[in-house]
Amino acid sequence: MTVDLAAWPHVYRPAAPGAPLLLLLHGTGGNEQQITTLAANLDPDAGVLAPRGRVTEHGMNRWFRRLAEGVFDLDDVEVRADELAEFVTAALAEYGVSGGAASPLVAVGFSNGANIALATAIRHPEVVPSVIAFSGMYPFGDREPVTELSGLSVLLLNGSSDPMAPRSSVDRLVGVLLGGEARVSRIEREGGHGIAESDLVEARRWLDARPLPEG
């Protein structure tokens, strides 16, 4: 499928040599401009690819539809994850980003953005091989995609009392990821939904220590 990048609002900034390209994915009500500020807190040399979610809910940008608070439209999750993978593939080609060790792609999402990052990585690990998920949860409800995930690395950062990303859903997520042989780091802090300073510290540490992809 041909992707019209001009029809998908996004921000792109190239990475310094050897630095990662961060696929930044905003939460509900955010946008591609706001989420770019997160890059400087993770790696000031990193590149940025920050698209805008293509769903709106009461005027707020989102990545996929939901039927109620915490109840996702699972068919739409899958469709939107596939669309995001197509966008990323087209954007990397357009901007001449080869990926691999030269400029590894790392998806970084918060809340709804974390969920679409995880969904896209699980369905398309060859496109999104690394994920940092702030306040994310299992995005596929009662479905369990059968996917080989040995090339996927994931960092999960959650609050222990987060009603929007409950521990039971994160447990399910970890089980699916490990079942697909993904590499998973899970860090739980006190508190609820959001990005704490301790989360940023852990994310920076993980970025510095992550194995580089081949290429």
C-alpha atoms as a PDB file:
ATOM      1  CA  MET A   1       0.000   0.000   0.000  1.00  0.00           C
ATOM      2  CA  THR A   2       1.257   3.468  -0.901  1.00  0.00           C
ATOM      3  CA  VAL A   3       1.341   5.836   2.083  1.00  0.00           C
ATOM      4  CA  ASP A   4       0.845   9.549   1.498  1.00  0.00           C
ATOM      5  CA  LEU A   5       3.134  11.034   4.135  1.00  0.00           C
ATOM      6  CA  ALA A   6       1.800  14.519   3.451  1.00  0.00           C
ATOM      7  CA  ALA A   7      -1.644  13.345   4.567  1.00  0.00           C
ATOM      8  CA  TRP A   8      -0.307  12.069   7.896  1.00  0.00           C
ATOM      9  CA  PRO A   9       0.867  14.983  10.086  1.00  0.00           C
ATOM     10  CA  HIS A  10       4.223  14.188  11.642  1.00  0.00           C
ATOM     11  CA  VAL A  11       7.521  15.617  12.816  1.00  0.00           C
ATOM     12  CA  TYR A  12      10.867  14.286  11.605  1.00  0.00           C
ATOM     13  CA  ARG A  13      14.358  15.189  12.790  1.00  0.00           C
ATOM     14  CA  PRO A  14      17.384  13.101  11.808  1.00  0.00           C
ATOM     15  CA  ALA A  15      19.521  11.393  14.417  1.00  0.00           C
ATOM     16  CA  ALA A  16      23.172  12.075  15.066  1.00  0.00           C
ATOM     17  CA  PRO A  17      25.431   9.290  13.732  1.00  0.00           C
ATOM     18  CA  GLY A  18      24.922   6.117  15.741  1.00  0.00           C
ATOM     19  CA  ALA A  19      22.051   7.540  17.804  1.00  0.00           C
ATOM     20  CA  PRO A  20      18.596   5.939  17.746  1.00  0.00           C
ATOM     21  CA  LEU A  21      15.568   7.221  15.885  1.00  0.00           C
ATOM     22  CA  LEU A  22      12.735   7.555  18.387  1.00  0.00           C
ATOM     23  CA  LEU A  23       9.250   6.822  17.076  1.00  0.00           C
ATOM     24  CA  LEU A  24       7.373   9.046  19.532  1.00  0.00           C
ATOM     25  CA  LEU A  25       3.699   8.219  20.044  1.00  0.00           C
ATOM     26  CA  HIS A  26       1.526  10.604  22.039  1.00  0.00           C
ATOM     27  CA  GLY A  27      -1.217   9.742  24.507  1.00  0.00           C
ATOM     28  CA  THR A  28      -4.906  10.594  24.250  1.00  0.00           C
ATOM     29  CA  GLY A  29      -5.341  14.314  23.637  1.00  0.00           C
ATOM     30  CA  GLY A  30      -1.692  14.835  22.720  1.00  0.00           C
ATOM     31  CA  ASN A  31      -0.146  15.538  19.360  1.00  0.00           C
ATOM     32  CA  GLU A  32       3.030  15.104  17.362  1.00  0.00           C
ATOM     33  CA  GLN A  33       4.487  18.422  18.515  1.00  0.00           C
ATOM     34  CA  GLN A  34       4.021  17.910  22.255  1.00  0.00           C
ATOM     35  CA  ILE A  35       5.499  14.427  22.384  1.00  0.00           C
ATOM     36  CA  THR A  36       8.757  15.518  20.736  1.00  0.00           C
ATOM     37  CA  THR A  37       9.833  17.201  23.992  1.00  0.00           C
ATOM     38  CA  LEU A  38      10.306  13.714  25.433  1.00  0.00           C
ATOM     39  CA  ALA A  39      13.250  13.033  23.128  1.00  0.00           C
ATOM     40  CA  ALA A  40      15.582  15.464  24.910  1.00  0.00           C
ATOM     41  CA  ASN A  41      14.886  13.652  28.198  1.00  0.00           C
ATOM     42  CA  LEU A  42      15.925  10.324  26.716  1.00  0.00           C
ATOM     43  CA  ASP A  43      18.769  11.056  24.275  1.00  0.00           C
ATOM     44  CA  PRO A  44      19.540  14.568  22.987  1.00  0.00           C
ATOM     45  CA  ASP A  45      21.321  13.019  19.978  1.00  0.00           C
ATOM     46  CA  ALA A  46      18.341  10.877  18.996  1.00  0.00           C
ATOM     47  CA  GLY A  47      16.326  11.481  15.890  1.00  0.00           C
ATOM     48  CA  VAL A  48      12.571  11.978  16.054  1.00  0.00           C
ATOM     49  CA  LEU A  49       9.726  10.537  14.032  1.00  0.00           C
ATOM     50  CA  ALA A  50       6.468  11.632  15.646  1.00  0.00           C
ATOM     51  CA  PRO A  51       3.193  11.051  13.791  1.00  0.00           C
ATOM     52  CA  ARG A  52      -0.279  12.080  14.906  1.00  0.00           C
ATOM     53  CA  GLY A  53      -2.933   9.529  15.790  1.00  0.00           C
ATOM     54  CA  ARG A  54      -5.641   9.254  13.141  1.00  0.00           C
ATOM     55  CA  VAL A  55      -8.627   8.702  15.456  1.00  0.00           C
ATOM     56  CA  THR A  56     -10.483  11.409  17.383  1.00  0.00           C
ATOM     57  CA  GLU A  57     -12.578  10.974  20.499  1.00  0.00           C
ATOM     58  CA  HIS A  58     -14.510  14.026  21.676  1.00  0.00           C
ATOM     59  CA  GLY A  59     -12.033  16.161  19.755  1.00  0.00           C
ATOM     60  CA  MET A  60      -8.967  14.438  21.220  1.00  0.00           C
ATOM     61  CA  ASN A  61      -6.342  12.668  19.120  1.00  0.00           C
ATOM     62  CA  ARG A  62      -6.058   8.927  19.675  1.00  0.00           C
ATOM     63  CA  TRP A  63      -4.453   5.953  17.964  1.00  0.00           C
ATOM     64  CA  PHE A  64      -7.446   3.625  17.916  1.00  0.00           C
ATOM     65  CA  ARG A  65     -11.089   3.572  18.927  1.00  0.00           C
ATOM     66  CA  ARG A  66     -12.338   2.347  22.259  1.00  0.00           C
ATOM     67  CA  LEU A  67     -15.817   1.200  23.208  1.00  0.00           C
ATOM     68  CA  ALA A  68     -15.568   2.427  26.816  1.00  0.00           C
ATOM     69  CA  GLU A  69     -12.855   3.408  29.306  1.00  0.00           C
ATOM     70  CA  GLY A  70     -10.336   0.566  29.153  1.00  0.00           C
ATOM     71  CA  VAL A  71     -12.351  -1.370  26.550  1.00  0.00           C
ATOM     72  CA  PHE A  72     -10.629  -1.245  23.173  1.00  0.00           C
ATOM     73  CA  ASP A  73     -12.127  -1.813  19.743  1.00  0.00           C
ATOM     74  CA  LEU A  74      -9.856  -4.763  19.012  1.00  0.00           C
ATOM     75  CA  ASP A  75     -10.490  -4.825  15.282  1.00  0.00           C
ATOM     76  CA  ASP A  76      -9.523  -1.163  15.114  1.00  0.00           C
ATOM     77  CA  VAL A  77      -6.393  -1.785  17.202  1.00  0.00           C
ATOM     78  CA  GLU A  78      -5.207  -4.271  14.604  1.00  0.00           C
ATOM     79  CA  VAL A  79      -6.065  -2.032  11.649  1.00  0.00           C
ATOM     80  CA  ARG A  80      -4.366   1.005  13.174  1.00  0.00           C
ATOM     81  CA  ALA A  81      -1.275  -0.984  14.157  1.00  0.00           C
ATOM     82  CA  ASP A  82      -0.954  -2.154  10.565  1.00  0.00           C
ATOM     83  CA  GLU A  83      -1.390   1.427   9.332  1.00  0.00           C
ATOM     84  CA  LEU A  84       1.312   2.675  11.681  1.00  0.00           C
ATOM     85  CA  ALA A  85       3.715  -0.021  10.479  1.00  0.00           C
ATOM     86  CA  GLU A  86       3.035   1.066   6.881  1.00  0.00           C
ATOM     87  CA  PHE A  87       3.640   4.717   7.823  1.00  0.00           C
ATOM     88  CA  VAL A  88       6.933   3.918   9.560  1.00  0.00           C
ATOM     89  CA  THR A  89       8.161   1.860   6.619  1.00  0.00           C
ATOM     90  CA  ALA A  90       7.284   4.642   4.172  1.00  0.00           C
ATOM     91  CA  ALA A  91       8.791   7.368   6.361  1.00  0.00           C
ATOM     92  CA  LEU A  92      12.078   5.526   6.791  1.00  0.00           C
ATOM     93  CA  ALA A  93      12.309   5.132   3.025  1.00  0.00           C
ATOM     94  CA  GLU A  94      11.380   8.767   2.391  1.00  0.00           C
ATOM     95  CA  TYR A  95      13.956  10.114   4.834  1.00  0.00           C
ATOM     96  CA  GLY A  96      16.677   7.659   3.876  1.00  0.00           C
ATOM     97  CA  VAL A  97      16.913   5.985   7.290  1.00  0.00           C
ATOM     98  CA  SER A  98      18.440   2.554   6.903  1.00  0.00           C
ATOM     99  CA  GLY A  99      17.723   1.351  10.427  1.00  0.00           C
ATOM    100  CA  GLY A 100      19.895  -1.363  11.938  1.00  0.00           C
ATOM    101  CA  ALA A 101      22.932  -0.360  13.946  1.00  0.00           C
ATOM    102  CA  ALA A 102      23.350   2.870  11.957  1.00  0.00           C
ATOM    103  CA  SER A 103      20.133   4.392  13.314  1.00  0.00           C
ATOM    104  CA  PRO A 104      18.102   1.873  15.335  1.00  0.00           C
ATOM    105  CA  LEU A 105      14.383   2.533  15.620  1.00  0.00           C
ATOM    106  CA  VAL A 106      12.908   2.638  19.123  1.00  0.00           C
ATOM    107  CA  ALA A 107       9.190   3.250  19.591  1.00  0.00           C
ATOM    108  CA  VAL A 108       8.478   5.374  22.674  1.00  0.00           C
ATOM    109  CA  GLY A 109       4.852   5.733  23.674  1.00  0.00           C
ATOM    110  CA  PHE A 110       2.824   7.064  26.567  1.00  0.00           C
ATOM    111  CA  SER A 111      -0.566   5.606  27.541  1.00  0.00           C
ATOM    112  CA  ASN A 112      -2.584   5.232  24.306  1.00  0.00           C
ATOM    113  CA  GLY A 113       0.685   5.788  22.444  1.00  0.00           C
ATOM    114  CA  ALA A 114       2.352   3.016  24.450  1.00  0.00           C
ATOM    115  CA  ASN A 115      -0.511   0.686  23.587  1.00  0.00           C
ATOM    116  CA  ILE A 116      -0.265   1.314  19.849  1.00  0.00           C
ATOM    117  CA  ALA A 117       3.522   0.946  20.046  1.00  0.00           C
ATOM    118  CA  LEU A 118       3.105  -2.450  21.696  1.00  0.00           C
ATOM    119  CA  ALA A 119       0.392  -3.531  19.275  1.00  0.00           C
ATOM    120  CA  THR A 120       2.499  -2.539  16.280  1.00  0.00           C
ATOM    121  CA  ALA A 121       5.615  -4.223  17.638  1.00  0.00           C
ATOM    122  CA  ILE A 122       3.757  -7.459  18.365  1.00  0.00           C
ATOM    123  CA  ARG A 123       2.185  -7.535  14.895  1.00  0.00           C
ATOM    124  CA  HIS A 124       5.213  -6.149  13.056  1.00  0.00           C
ATOM    125  CA  PRO A 125       8.411  -6.739  15.063  1.00  0.00           C
ATOM    126  CA  GLU A 126      10.423  -6.464  11.857  1.00  0.00           C
ATOM    127  CA  VAL A 127       9.313  -2.811  11.614  1.00  0.00           C
ATOM    128  CA  VAL A 128       9.318  -1.894  15.313  1.00  0.00           C
ATOM    129  CA  PRO A 129      12.032  -3.974  17.016  1.00  0.00           C
ATOM    130  CA  SER A 130      12.273  -1.986  20.276  1.00  0.00           C
ATOM    131  CA  VAL A 131       9.661  -0.349  22.516  1.00  0.00           C
ATOM    132  CA  ILE A 132       9.695   1.844  25.602  1.00  0.00           C
ATOM    133  CA  ALA A 133       6.138   1.822  26.968  1.00  0.00           C
ATOM    134  CA  PHE A 134       5.201   4.384  29.611  1.00  0.00           C
ATOM    135  CA  SER A 135       1.924   3.403  31.356  1.00  0.00           C
ATOM    136  CA  GLY A 136       1.048   0.848  28.696  1.00  0.00           C
ATOM    137  CA  MET A 137      -1.014  -2.354  28.908  1.00  0.00           C
ATOM    138  CA  TYR A 138      -1.972  -5.391  26.826  1.00  0.00           C
ATOM    139  CA  PRO A 139      -3.665  -3.943  23.733  1.00  0.00           C
ATOM    140  CA  PHE A 140      -5.432  -7.032  22.340  1.00  0.00           C
ATOM    141  CA  GLY A 141      -8.040  -7.783  25.020  1.00  0.00           C
ATOM    142  CA  ASP A 142      -8.987 -11.465  24.899  1.00  0.00           C
ATOM    143  CA  ARG A 143      -6.987 -12.076  21.730  1.00  0.00           C
ATOM    144  CA  GLU A 144      -3.506 -13.564  21.732  1.00  0.00           C
ATOM    145  CA  PRO A 145      -1.641 -13.029  18.470  1.00  0.00           C
ATOM    146  CA  VAL A 146       0.605 -15.945  17.539  1.00  0.00           C
ATOM    147  CA  THR A 147       3.817 -14.177  16.681  1.00  0.00           C
ATOM    148  CA  GLU A 148       7.507 -14.988  16.836  1.00  0.00           C
ATOM    149  CA  LEU A 149       9.050 -12.106  18.782  1.00  0.00           C
ATOM    150  CA  SER A 150      12.648 -13.166  19.390  1.00  0.00           C
ATOM    151  CA  GLY A 151      13.922  -9.979  17.728  1.00  0.00           C
ATOM    152  CA  LEU A 152      11.827  -7.679  19.942  1.00  0.00           C
ATOM    153  CA  SER A 153      13.077  -5.791  23.018  1.00  0.00           C
ATOM    154  CA  VAL A 154      10.563  -4.080  25.331  1.00  0.00           C
ATOM    155  CA  LEU A 155      10.835  -1.884  28.410  1.00  0.00           C
ATOM    156  CA  LEU A 156       7.610  -1.588  30.425  1.00  0.00           C
ATOM    157  CA  LEU A 157       7.328   1.284  32.920  1.00  0.00           C
ATOM    158  CA  ASN A 158       4.164   1.292  35.023  1.00  0.00           C
ATOM    159  CA  GLY A 159       2.709   2.636  38.242  1.00  0.00           C
ATOM    160  CA  SER A 160       1.595   0.026  40.768  1.00  0.00           C
ATOM    161  CA  SER A 161      -1.760   1.763  41.350  1.00  0.00           C
ATOM    162  CA  ASP A 162      -2.613   2.785  37.799  1.00  0.00           C
ATOM    163  CA  PRO A 163      -6.344   2.203  37.152  1.00  0.00           C
ATOM    164  CA  MET A 164      -5.911   2.957  33.424  1.00  0.00           C
ATOM    165  CA  ALA A 165      -3.218   0.300  32.928  1.00  0.00           C
ATOM    166  CA  PRO A 166      -3.971  -2.310  35.596  1.00  0.00           C
ATOM    167  CA  ARG A 167      -1.357  -4.760  36.767  1.00  0.00           C
ATOM    168  CA  SER A 168      -3.380  -7.738  35.534  1.00  0.00           C
ATOM    169  CA  SER A 169      -3.234  -6.414  31.967  1.00  0.00           C
ATOM    170  CA  VAL A 170       0.501  -5.748  32.232  1.00  0.00           C
ATOM    171  CA  ASP A 171       0.947  -9.305  33.551  1.00  0.00           C
ATOM    172  CA  ARG A 172      -0.898 -10.600  30.483  1.00  0.00           C
ATOM    173  CA  LEU A 173       1.298  -8.450  28.240  1.00  0.00           C
ATOM    174  CA  VAL A 174       4.471  -9.818  29.795  1.00  0.00           C
ATOM    175  CA  GLY A 175       3.217 -13.377  29.346  1.00  0.00           C
ATOM    176  CA  VAL A 176       2.494 -12.861  25.646  1.00  0.00           C
ATOM    177  CA  LEU A 177       5.837 -11.156  25.030  1.00  0.00           C
ATOM    178  CA  LEU A 178       7.822 -13.836  26.836  1.00  0.00           C
ATOM    179  CA  GLY A 179       5.785 -16.531  25.108  1.00  0.00           C
ATOM    180  CA  GLY A 180       6.999 -15.094  21.800  1.00  0.00           C
ATOM    181  CA  GLU A 181      10.579 -15.035  23.163  1.00  0.00           C
ATOM    182  CA  ALA A 182      10.836 -11.240  23.284  1.00  0.00           C
ATOM    183  CA  ARG A 183      13.322  -9.649  25.664  1.00  0.00           C
ATOM    184  CA  VAL A 184      11.288  -7.887  28.363  1.00  0.00           C
ATOM    185  CA  SER A 185      12.286  -5.530  31.166  1.00  0.00           C
ATOM    186  CA  ARG A 186       9.478  -4.540  33.523  1.00  0.00           C
ATOM    187  CA  ILE A 187       9.845  -1.824  36.132  1.00  0.00           C
ATOM    188  CA  GLU A 188       7.014  -0.916  38.468  1.00  0.00           C
ATOM    189  CA  ARG A 189       7.082   2.176  40.652  1.00  0.00           C
ATOM    190  CA  GLU A 190       4.690   3.525  43.257  1.00  0.00           C
ATOM    191  CA  GLY A 191       1.945   5.761  41.921  1.00  0.00           C
ATOM    192  CA  GLY A 192      -0.431   5.843  39.001  1.00  0.00           C
ATOM    193  CA  HIS A 193      -0.710   6.890  35.366  1.00  0.00           C
ATOM    194  CA  GLY A 194       2.001   9.141  33.992  1.00  0.00           C
ATOM    195  CA  ILE A 195       5.733   9.476  33.411  1.00  0.00           C
ATOM    196  CA  ALA A 196       7.741   9.908  36.609  1.00  0.00           C
ATOM    197  CA  GLU A 197      11.318  11.123  36.739  1.00  0.00           C
ATOM    198  CA  SER A 198      12.346   7.630  37.827  1.00  0.00           C
ATOM    199  CA  ASP A 199      10.766   6.289  34.623  1.00  0.00           C
ATOM    200  CA  LEU A 200      12.934   8.616  32.546  1.00  0.00           C
ATOM    201  CA  VAL A 201      16.034   7.499  34.440  1.00  0.00           C
ATOM    202  CA  GLU A 202      15.216   3.849  33.754  1.00  0.00           C
ATOM    203  CA  ALA A 203      14.430   4.567  30.107  1.00  0.00           C
ATOM    204  CA  ARG A 204      17.768   6.304  29.591  1.00  0.00           C
ATOM    205  CA  ARG A 205      19.578   3.417  31.265  1.00  0.00           C
ATOM    206  CA  TRP A 206      17.763   0.894  29.063  1.00  0.00           C
ATOM    207  CA  LEU A 207      18.508   2.854  25.902  1.00  0.00           C
ATOM    208  CA  ASP A 208      22.207   2.962  26.767  1.00  0.00           C
ATOM    209  CA  ALA A 209      22.345  -0.763  27.511  1.00  0.00           C
ATOM    210  CA  ARG A 210      20.065  -2.197  24.825  1.00  0.00           C
ATOM    211  CA  PRO A 211      21.627  -4.578  22.300  1.00  0.00           C
ATOM    212  CA  LEU A 212      22.054  -3.034  18.874  1.00  0.00           C
ATOM    213  CA  PRO A 213      20.285  -4.668  15.950  1.00  0.00           C
ATOM    214  CA  GLU A 214      22.292  -6.121  13.115  1.00  0.00           C
ATOM    215  CA  GLY A 215      22.821  -4.105   9.965  1.00  0.00           C
END
